Protein backbone atom coordinates (compact mmCIF):
# COMPACT_ATOMS: atom_id res chain seq x y z
CA UNK A 1 -8.26 6.19 -42.17
CA UNK A 2 -7.88 3.90 -39.13
CA UNK A 3 -6.26 0.55 -39.73
CA UNK A 4 -7.44 -2.70 -38.18
CA UNK A 5 -4.21 -2.80 -36.16
CA UNK A 6 -4.84 0.70 -34.81
CA UNK A 7 -8.41 -0.21 -33.90
CA UNK A 8 -7.23 -3.35 -32.09
CA UNK A 9 -4.54 -1.36 -30.29
CA UNK A 10 -7.11 1.23 -29.18
CA UNK A 11 -9.38 -1.57 -27.88
CA UNK A 12 -6.47 -3.20 -26.01
CA UNK A 13 -5.47 0.16 -24.55
CA UNK A 14 -9.03 0.73 -23.32
CA UNK A 15 -9.10 -2.76 -21.78
CA UNK A 16 -5.78 -2.19 -19.99
CA UNK A 17 -6.94 1.18 -18.70
CA UNK A 18 -10.20 -0.30 -17.42
CA UNK A 19 -8.20 -2.96 -15.54
CA UNK A 20 -5.87 -0.30 -14.13
CA UNK A 21 -8.88 1.73 -12.96
CA UNK A 22 -10.33 -1.32 -11.17
CA UNK A 23 -6.97 -2.10 -9.57
CA UNK A 24 -6.60 1.52 -8.42
CA UNK A 25 -9.99 1.25 -6.72
CA UNK A 26 -8.90 -1.99 -5.04
CA UNK A 27 -5.73 -0.29 -3.80
CA UNK A 28 -7.64 2.66 -2.35
CA UNK A 29 -10.21 0.47 -0.57
CA UNK A 30 -7.45 -1.85 0.67
CA UNK A 31 -5.47 1.08 2.06
CA UNK A 32 -8.63 2.41 3.69
CA UNK A 33 -9.20 -0.95 5.39
CA UNK A 34 -5.55 -1.17 6.41
CA UNK A 35 -5.64 2.27 8.01
CA UNK A 36 -8.82 1.39 9.94
CA UNK A 37 -6.85 -1.41 11.59
CA UNK A 38 -3.73 0.68 12.19
CA UNK A 39 -5.91 3.38 13.78
CA UNK A 40 -7.34 0.75 16.13
CA UNK A 41 -3.78 -0.35 16.93
CA UNK A 42 -2.86 3.29 17.58
CA UNK A 43 -5.76 3.74 20.00
CA UNK A 44 -4.80 0.52 21.79
CA UNK A 45 -1.18 1.68 22.07
CA UNK A 46 -2.27 5.07 23.39
CA UNK A 47 -4.60 3.50 25.97
CA UNK A 48 -1.80 1.26 27.26
CA UNK A 49 1.02 3.78 26.96
CA UNK A 50 2.88 1.73 24.35
CA UNK A 51 5.36 3.39 21.97
CA UNK A 52 3.89 4.62 18.67
CA UNK A 53 6.45 2.69 16.63
CA UNK A 54 7.86 -0.82 16.79
CA UNK A 55 11.13 -0.83 14.82
CA UNK A 56 11.54 -4.62 15.03
CA UNK A 57 8.05 -5.24 13.61
CA UNK A 58 8.55 -2.56 10.96
CA UNK A 59 11.80 -4.16 9.83
CA UNK A 60 10.16 -7.58 9.65
CA UNK A 61 7.28 -6.18 7.61
CA UNK A 62 9.61 -4.42 5.18
CA UNK A 63 11.64 -7.60 4.67
CA UNK A 64 8.42 -9.61 4.22
CA UNK A 65 7.05 -7.16 1.66
CA UNK A 66 10.35 -7.17 -0.25
CA UNK A 67 10.13 -10.99 -0.47
CA UNK A 68 6.53 -10.79 -1.65
CA UNK A 69 7.52 -8.18 -4.21
CA UNK A 70 10.13 -10.51 -5.68
CA UNK A 71 7.51 -13.28 -5.88
CA UNK A 72 5.08 -10.88 -7.56
CA UNK A 73 7.69 -9.66 -10.06
CA UNK A 74 7.59 -6.18 -8.53
CA UNK A 75 10.68 -4.09 -7.83
CA UNK A 76 11.48 -4.80 -4.14
CA UNK A 77 12.97 -1.31 -3.76
CA UNK A 78 9.65 0.18 -4.82
CA UNK A 79 7.82 -2.09 -2.37
CA UNK A 80 10.20 -1.05 0.43
CA UNK A 81 9.70 2.65 -0.31
CA UNK A 82 5.92 2.17 -0.48
CA UNK A 83 5.73 0.35 2.86
CA UNK A 84 8.17 2.80 4.48
CA UNK A 85 5.85 5.64 3.46
CA UNK A 86 2.81 3.83 4.86
CA UNK A 87 4.62 3.03 8.11
CA UNK A 88 5.66 6.68 8.54
CA UNK A 89 2.02 7.74 8.12
CA UNK A 90 0.87 5.13 10.64
CA UNK A 91 3.47 6.26 13.18
CA UNK A 92 2.43 9.89 12.65
CA UNK A 93 -1.19 8.94 13.36
CA UNK A 94 -0.15 6.95 16.44
CA UNK A 95 1.85 9.91 17.75
CA UNK A 96 -1.16 12.19 17.31
CA UNK A 97 -3.34 9.75 19.25
CA UNK A 98 -0.86 9.76 22.14
CA UNK A 99 -0.93 13.55 22.47
């Protein structure tokens, strides 16, 4: 027999999962949009013989994201690792465009 508390917990769990699913979709579409812009940057760099990476900009972005993570109550180390991964993918794409 299911208790009222168990039924409420199941409903709350379903609500949380539905929110997580929507947020995952937002993340995927946001990353897709971000990579469209970084691909345009990569083409621009390749056309003008600019280096595929910009360590100063990357460092600024990592520091900025760590600050935002603190404000958002997110582990800044996780945010740094996440952005570092994205940056490495962007640089890889930029290098491919320059070949």
